[in-house]
Amino acid sequence: MNDRSSSGPTTFEERLRGGKFVMTAEIAPPVSCDADDLRRKAERLVGLADAVNVTDGAGARASMSALAAAGILTGMGIEPILQLACRDKNRIALQGELMGAAALGIRNLLLLTGDDPKAGDQPDTKPVFDIDSKALLETARRMRDEGTLPTGRKVGGKAAFFLGAADVPIDPPADWQPTALAGKAKAGAQFVQTQFCMDAGIVRRYVGRLAQAGLAQKLAILIGVNPFRSAKSAAWMKKHLFGTIIADAYIKRIEAAADPAREGVRLCAEYIEELSTIPGVAGAHIMAPGNDAAIADVIAAVRR
């Protein structure tokens, strides 16, 4: 994939619009008040990842502000994708976050409804969920295209947002329609990052059905992948993480490896190469919770 390097068009959006196969990474901001703790997590991704997601209270747990983390990454020369979840803020606060992102020059947004706080380490937390991700997408689109808030109030400056949404791939049954994703596209989504889907056959069928519905032509689709650290962790993900798809053959391959972590990186890089040949797949979104170093190893392996 040497022709799919991070050189050429200068922004994540431009690379996608130019037909480049992209690789994005995801890191969770640290539980820290020290910016250097984030920089250490992200430093190996400079010049490698096409863009880097910063999560917003992932797993319903507190961490450094996603907006602050995105600003720090920008200062490192990394193009961030700011995740914003509706779980913790009402519409007024979310509109303020959008204005703050635009003021900081942060363009890429992944807008999410967010996990229930009961899944986190402070289960007594009161969830907000004032609006959902579709309404937040519409708010951001309106701010960008019309320069107004949902109330019609004018917003100063310019919000040059590139808007993203999340989706959960499935092996589509005959009567399946991607209704939820179609609603997000209508609200303003331009790219999609999915949950883990480590099965190329399912990806082909899923993206094929999105194409039949006219969505693969409208949305840049990035498939979620993971460089497994061990067969045990892969099996746990498959069983416990909602929407995760992992082919049994991959788990067996990691289980048989002399060095499972190294084999996980190799397998993930090979799988990304295969994804790059599937029509309608615009890129890979590499997530490795608790195993951040493997993300850079995967991208470097693919870019060789």
Protein backbone atom coordinates (compact mmCIF):
# COMPACT_ATOMS: atom_id res chain seq x y z
CA MET A 1 0.00 0.00 0.00
CA ASN A 2 2.89 2.37 -0.62
CA ASP A 3 0.67 4.46 -2.90
CA ARG A 4 -1.72 4.99 0.02
CA SER A 5 0.66 6.89 2.24
CA SER A 6 -0.24 9.98 4.24
CA SER A 7 1.49 12.16 1.63
CA GLY A 8 -0.47 14.06 -1.00
CA PRO A 9 -3.70 15.84 -0.04
CA THR A 10 -3.20 17.64 3.23
CA THR A 11 -6.37 16.96 5.21
CA PHE A 12 -8.36 13.90 6.20
CA GLU A 13 -11.34 15.16 4.22
CA GLU A 14 -9.24 15.88 1.13
CA ARG A 15 -7.71 12.41 1.19
CA LEU A 16 -11.14 10.81 1.36
CA ARG A 17 -12.53 13.02 -1.39
CA GLY A 18 -9.48 12.18 -3.49
CA GLY A 19 -10.16 8.45 -3.21
CA LYS A 20 -7.21 7.70 -0.92
CA PHE A 21 -7.60 4.72 1.40
CA VAL A 22 -7.16 6.25 4.86
CA MET A 23 -6.16 4.91 8.24
CA THR A 24 -7.42 6.61 11.37
CA ALA A 25 -6.41 5.81 14.92
CA GLU A 26 -8.25 6.17 18.21
CA ILE A 27 -6.83 7.09 21.58
CA ALA A 28 -8.55 7.71 24.88
CA PRO A 29 -7.34 10.89 26.60
CA PRO A 30 -5.60 10.02 29.85
CA VAL A 31 -6.99 10.38 33.34
CA SER A 32 -4.57 13.22 33.88
CA CYS A 33 -4.18 16.97 34.22
CA ASP A 34 -0.83 16.82 32.40
CA ALA A 35 -0.82 17.45 28.65
CA ASP A 36 2.43 15.52 28.30
CA ASP A 37 0.64 12.32 29.32
CA LEU A 38 -1.51 12.68 26.20
CA ARG A 39 1.46 13.64 24.03
CA ARG A 40 3.28 10.47 25.05
CA LYS A 41 0.28 8.37 24.02
CA ALA A 42 0.03 10.06 20.64
CA GLU A 43 3.62 10.85 19.64
CA ARG A 44 4.21 7.74 17.51
CA LEU A 45 1.16 8.57 15.39
CA VAL A 46 2.65 11.83 14.09
CA GLY A 47 3.12 11.44 10.35
CA LEU A 48 1.52 7.98 10.35
CA ALA A 49 -2.23 8.23 10.98
CA ASP A 50 -4.36 10.25 8.57
CA ALA A 51 -6.32 11.49 11.58
CA VAL A 52 -6.67 10.53 15.24
CA ASN A 53 -9.92 10.23 17.18
CA VAL A 54 -10.00 11.45 20.77
CA THR A 55 -12.77 9.77 22.74
CA ASP A 56 -15.26 11.65 24.91
CA GLY A 57 -15.59 9.85 28.22
CA ALA A 58 -15.20 6.42 26.61
CA GLY A 59 -16.83 3.61 28.56
CA ALA A 60 -18.70 6.23 30.61
CA ARG A 61 -15.52 7.03 32.55
CA ALA A 62 -13.98 10.42 33.24
CA SER A 63 -10.82 11.47 31.39
CA MET A 64 -9.18 14.61 30.06
CA SER A 65 -11.62 16.73 28.05
CA ALA A 66 -11.88 15.54 24.44
CA LEU A 67 -11.92 19.14 23.19
CA ALA A 68 -8.74 19.97 25.11
CA ALA A 69 -7.12 16.74 23.89
CA ALA A 70 -7.99 17.57 20.28
CA GLY A 71 -6.37 20.97 20.69
CA ILE A 72 -3.20 19.38 22.10
CA LEU A 73 -3.01 16.95 19.18
CA THR A 74 -3.33 19.84 16.74
CA GLY A 75 -0.30 21.43 18.38
CA MET A 76 1.63 18.18 17.79
CA GLY A 77 0.87 18.22 14.05
CA ILE A 78 -1.81 15.52 14.32
CA GLU A 79 -5.17 16.12 12.68
CA PRO A 80 -7.78 15.23 15.31
CA ILE A 81 -11.26 13.79 15.00
CA LEU A 82 -13.14 15.14 17.98
CA GLN A 83 -15.71 12.81 19.45
CA LEU A 84 -18.66 14.45 21.17
CA ALA A 85 -21.22 12.40 23.11
CA CYS A 86 -24.71 13.52 24.04
CA ARG A 87 -24.62 11.58 27.32
CA ASP A 88 -23.01 14.26 29.47
CA LYS A 89 -24.18 17.61 28.10
CA ASN A 90 -27.44 19.25 27.16
CA ARG A 91 -27.95 20.93 23.79
CA ILE A 92 -26.74 24.33 25.03
CA ALA A 93 -23.44 22.89 26.25
CA LEU A 94 -23.02 20.82 23.08
CA GLN A 95 -23.58 23.89 20.92
CA GLY A 96 -20.89 25.63 22.96
CA GLU A 97 -18.53 22.70 22.36
CA LEU A 98 -19.16 22.94 18.61
CA MET A 99 -18.38 26.66 18.61
CA GLY A 100 -15.25 26.03 20.67
CA ALA A 101 -14.09 23.33 18.26
CA ALA A 102 -14.57 25.64 15.29
CA ALA A 103 -12.72 28.45 17.06
CA LEU A 104 -9.77 26.10 17.63
CA GLY A 105 -9.72 25.06 13.97
CA ILE A 106 -10.96 21.53 14.72
CA ARG A 107 -12.92 20.40 11.68
CA ASN A 108 -13.47 16.64 12.00
CA LEU A 109 -16.24 15.58 14.35
CA LEU A 110 -17.59 12.14 15.26
CA LEU A 111 -20.94 12.79 16.91
CA LEU A 112 -22.27 10.09 19.22
CA THR A 113 -25.20 9.50 21.53
CA GLY A 114 -22.87 7.92 24.13
CA ASP A 115 -22.87 4.97 26.51
CA ASP A 116 -25.18 4.71 29.51
CA PRO A 117 -23.32 5.79 32.68
CA LYS A 118 -24.32 2.51 34.32
CA ALA A 119 -21.64 0.91 32.12
CA GLY A 120 -18.93 3.02 33.75
CA ASP A 121 -17.22 3.30 37.13
CA GLN A 122 -19.63 5.93 38.50
CA PRO A 123 -22.99 4.25 37.86
CA ASP A 124 -24.92 6.76 39.97
CA THR A 125 -24.10 9.47 37.41
CA LYS A 126 -27.21 11.14 35.99
CA PRO A 127 -27.27 10.83 32.19
CA VAL A 128 -28.37 13.81 30.11
CA PHE A 129 -29.29 12.52 26.64
CA ASP A 130 -31.08 15.81 25.93
CA ILE A 131 -30.65 15.13 22.21
CA ASP A 132 -29.31 12.18 20.22
CA SER A 133 -26.49 11.93 17.71
CA LYS A 134 -28.78 12.59 14.75
CA ALA A 135 -29.99 15.85 16.28
CA LEU A 136 -26.40 16.83 17.10
CA LEU A 137 -25.37 16.12 13.50
CA GLU A 138 -28.18 18.35 12.27
CA THR A 139 -27.10 21.09 14.68
CA ALA A 140 -23.48 20.95 13.46
CA ARG A 141 -24.58 20.85 9.81
CA ARG A 142 -26.81 23.87 10.31
CA MET A 143 -24.05 25.76 12.09
CA ARG A 144 -21.70 25.03 9.18
CA ASP A 145 -24.06 25.57 6.25
CA GLU A 146 -26.40 28.26 7.55
CA GLY A 147 -24.36 29.90 10.31
CA THR A 148 -27.21 29.52 12.79
CA LEU A 149 -28.20 27.60 15.90
CA PRO A 150 -31.38 25.50 15.85
CA THR A 151 -33.20 28.51 17.28
CA GLY A 152 -32.26 30.53 14.20
CA ARG A 153 -29.83 32.69 16.17
CA LYS A 154 -26.82 33.71 14.10
CA VAL A 155 -23.38 32.33 14.93
CA GLY A 156 -20.29 34.42 14.21
CA GLY A 157 -17.27 33.08 12.37
CA LYS A 158 -17.13 29.93 10.27
CA ALA A 159 -17.55 26.29 11.25
CA ALA A 160 -15.87 24.26 8.48
CA PHE A 161 -16.93 20.93 9.92
CA PHE A 162 -16.44 17.50 8.34
CA LEU A 163 -19.11 15.43 10.03
CA GLY A 164 -18.90 11.79 11.06
CA ALA A 165 -21.22 9.20 12.58
CA ALA A 166 -20.82 5.72 14.02
CA ASP A 167 -22.39 2.51 12.78
CA VAL A 168 -22.46 -1.17 13.70
CA PRO A 169 -21.89 -3.52 10.73
CA ILE A 170 -24.02 -6.64 10.44
CA ASP A 171 -24.27 -9.58 8.10
CA PRO A 172 -27.44 -8.23 6.52
CA PRO A 173 -30.49 -10.47 6.25
CA ALA A 174 -32.56 -10.28 3.07
CA ASP A 175 -35.02 -7.71 4.42
CA TRP A 176 -32.48 -5.47 6.19
CA GLN A 177 -32.45 -1.75 5.48
CA PRO A 178 -29.83 0.66 6.93
CA THR A 179 -32.51 2.97 8.29
CA ALA A 180 -30.51 4.39 11.20
CA LEU A 181 -27.48 5.19 9.05
CA ALA A 182 -29.68 6.72 6.36
CA GLY A 183 -31.11 9.02 9.01
CA LYS A 184 -27.64 10.11 10.06
CA ALA A 185 -26.67 10.76 6.44
CA LYS A 186 -29.76 12.89 5.99
CA ALA A 187 -28.89 14.81 9.16
CA GLY A 188 -25.45 15.68 7.75
CA ALA A 189 -23.00 12.78 8.23
CA GLN A 190 -20.25 12.66 5.60
CA PHE A 191 -18.10 9.81 6.93
CA VAL A 192 -18.72 6.76 9.10
CA GLN A 193 -16.47 4.89 11.51
CA THR A 194 -17.76 1.47 12.51
CA GLN A 195 -17.52 -0.90 15.43
CA PHE A 196 -14.96 -3.72 15.09
CA CYS A 197 -15.68 -5.90 12.05
CA MET A 198 -12.87 -8.39 11.48
CA ASP A 199 -14.56 -10.50 8.80
CA ALA A 200 -14.02 -9.46 5.19
CA GLY A 201 -16.97 -11.47 3.90
CA ILE A 202 -19.37 -9.65 6.20
CA VAL A 203 -17.80 -6.30 5.28
CA ARG A 204 -18.40 -7.02 1.59
CA ARG A 205 -22.04 -7.91 2.20
CA TYR A 206 -22.64 -5.00 4.58
CA VAL A 207 -21.06 -2.37 2.33
CA GLY A 208 -22.74 -3.93 -0.69
CA ARG A 209 -26.13 -3.38 0.92
CA LEU A 210 -25.18 0.18 1.84
CA ALA A 211 -24.34 0.70 -1.84
CA GLN A 212 -27.72 -0.68 -2.87
CA ALA A 213 -29.34 1.85 -0.53
CA GLY A 214 -27.25 4.67 -2.05
CA LEU A 215 -25.30 5.27 1.17
CA ALA A 216 -21.86 3.97 0.16
CA GLN A 217 -21.87 6.65 -2.55
CA LYS A 218 -22.70 9.41 -0.05
CA LEU A 219 -20.62 8.36 2.95
CA ALA A 220 -16.94 7.53 3.33
CA ILE A 221 -17.02 4.24 5.26
CA LEU A 222 -14.15 3.35 7.60
CA ILE A 223 -14.24 -0.15 9.08
CA GLY A 224 -13.22 -0.65 12.71
CA VAL A 225 -10.28 -3.03 13.23
CA ASN A 226 -8.17 -4.23 16.16
CA PRO A 227 -4.63 -5.63 16.48
CA PHE A 228 -5.43 -8.38 18.96
CA ARG A 229 -3.03 -8.72 21.85
CA SER A 230 -4.09 -12.30 22.57
CA ALA A 231 -6.68 -14.89 21.60
CA LYS A 232 -8.24 -14.46 25.05
CA SER A 233 -8.77 -10.72 24.55
CA ALA A 234 -10.18 -11.27 21.04
CA ALA A 235 -12.64 -13.87 22.35
CA TRP A 236 -13.65 -11.53 25.18
CA MET A 237 -14.30 -8.69 22.72
CA LYS A 238 -16.39 -10.95 20.50
CA LYS A 239 -18.51 -12.05 23.44
CA HIS A 240 -18.86 -8.84 25.44
CA LEU A 241 -18.45 -5.78 23.18
CA PHE A 242 -21.75 -4.91 21.53
CA GLY A 243 -21.69 -5.24 17.76
CA THR A 244 -18.18 -6.70 17.56
CA ILE A 245 -17.60 -9.17 14.72
CA ILE A 246 -14.45 -11.31 14.68
CA ALA A 247 -13.96 -14.33 12.42
CA ASP A 248 -13.18 -17.50 14.40
CA ALA A 249 -10.24 -18.19 12.08
CA TYR A 250 -8.53 -15.01 13.32
CA ILE A 251 -8.88 -16.03 16.96
CA LYS A 252 -7.44 -19.45 16.16
CA ARG A 253 -4.53 -17.88 14.29
CA ILE A 254 -3.62 -15.70 17.28
CA GLU A 255 -4.02 -18.64 19.64
CA ALA A 256 -1.55 -20.72 17.59
CA ALA A 257 1.08 -17.97 17.34
CA ALA A 258 4.35 -18.13 19.27
CA ASP A 259 4.10 -14.35 19.81
CA PRO A 260 0.36 -13.50 19.86
CA ALA A 261 0.80 -9.72 20.10
CA ARG A 262 3.17 -9.57 17.14
CA GLU A 263 0.88 -11.88 15.16
CA GLY A 264 -2.05 -9.60 16.04
CA VAL A 265 -0.26 -6.65 14.44
CA ARG A 266 0.61 -8.72 11.36
CA LEU A 267 -2.94 -10.03 11.02
CA CYS A 268 -4.45 -6.55 11.39
CA ALA A 269 -2.12 -5.11 8.74
CA GLU A 270 -3.01 -7.93 6.33
CA TYR A 271 -6.70 -7.40 7.00
CA ILE A 272 -6.42 -3.67 6.29
CA GLU A 273 -4.74 -4.53 2.98
CA GLU A 274 -7.74 -6.71 2.17
CA LEU A 275 -10.19 -3.99 3.19
CA SER A 276 -8.46 -1.62 0.76
CA THR A 277 -9.56 -3.87 -2.12
CA ILE A 278 -13.27 -3.94 -1.16
CA PRO A 279 -15.42 -1.53 -3.21
CA GLY A 280 -17.09 1.05 -1.02
CA VAL A 281 -14.60 0.81 1.86
CA ALA A 282 -12.81 4.14 2.23
CA GLY A 283 -10.49 3.26 5.07
CA ALA A 284 -9.79 1.49 8.34
CA HIS A 285 -10.31 2.85 11.84
CA ILE A 286 -7.79 1.23 14.19
CA MET A 287 -8.79 0.92 17.84
CA ALA A 288 -6.72 -0.86 20.48
CA PRO A 289 -7.90 0.02 23.99
CA GLY A 290 -5.08 -0.57 26.44
CA ASN A 291 -2.70 -1.39 23.60
CA ASP A 292 -2.05 2.01 22.03
CA ALA A 293 1.48 1.21 20.82
CA ALA A 294 0.16 -1.48 18.48
CA ILE A 295 -1.77 1.09 16.46
CA ALA A 296 1.40 2.77 15.20
CA ASP A 297 2.95 -0.63 14.49
CA VAL A 298 -0.01 -1.61 12.32
CA ILE A 299 -0.02 1.61 10.33
CA ALA A 300 3.75 1.44 9.81
CA ALA A 301 3.42 -2.16 8.57
CA VAL A 302 0.73 -1.22 6.07
CA ARG A 303 2.61 1.81 4.80
CA ARG A 304 5.82 -0.14 4.03
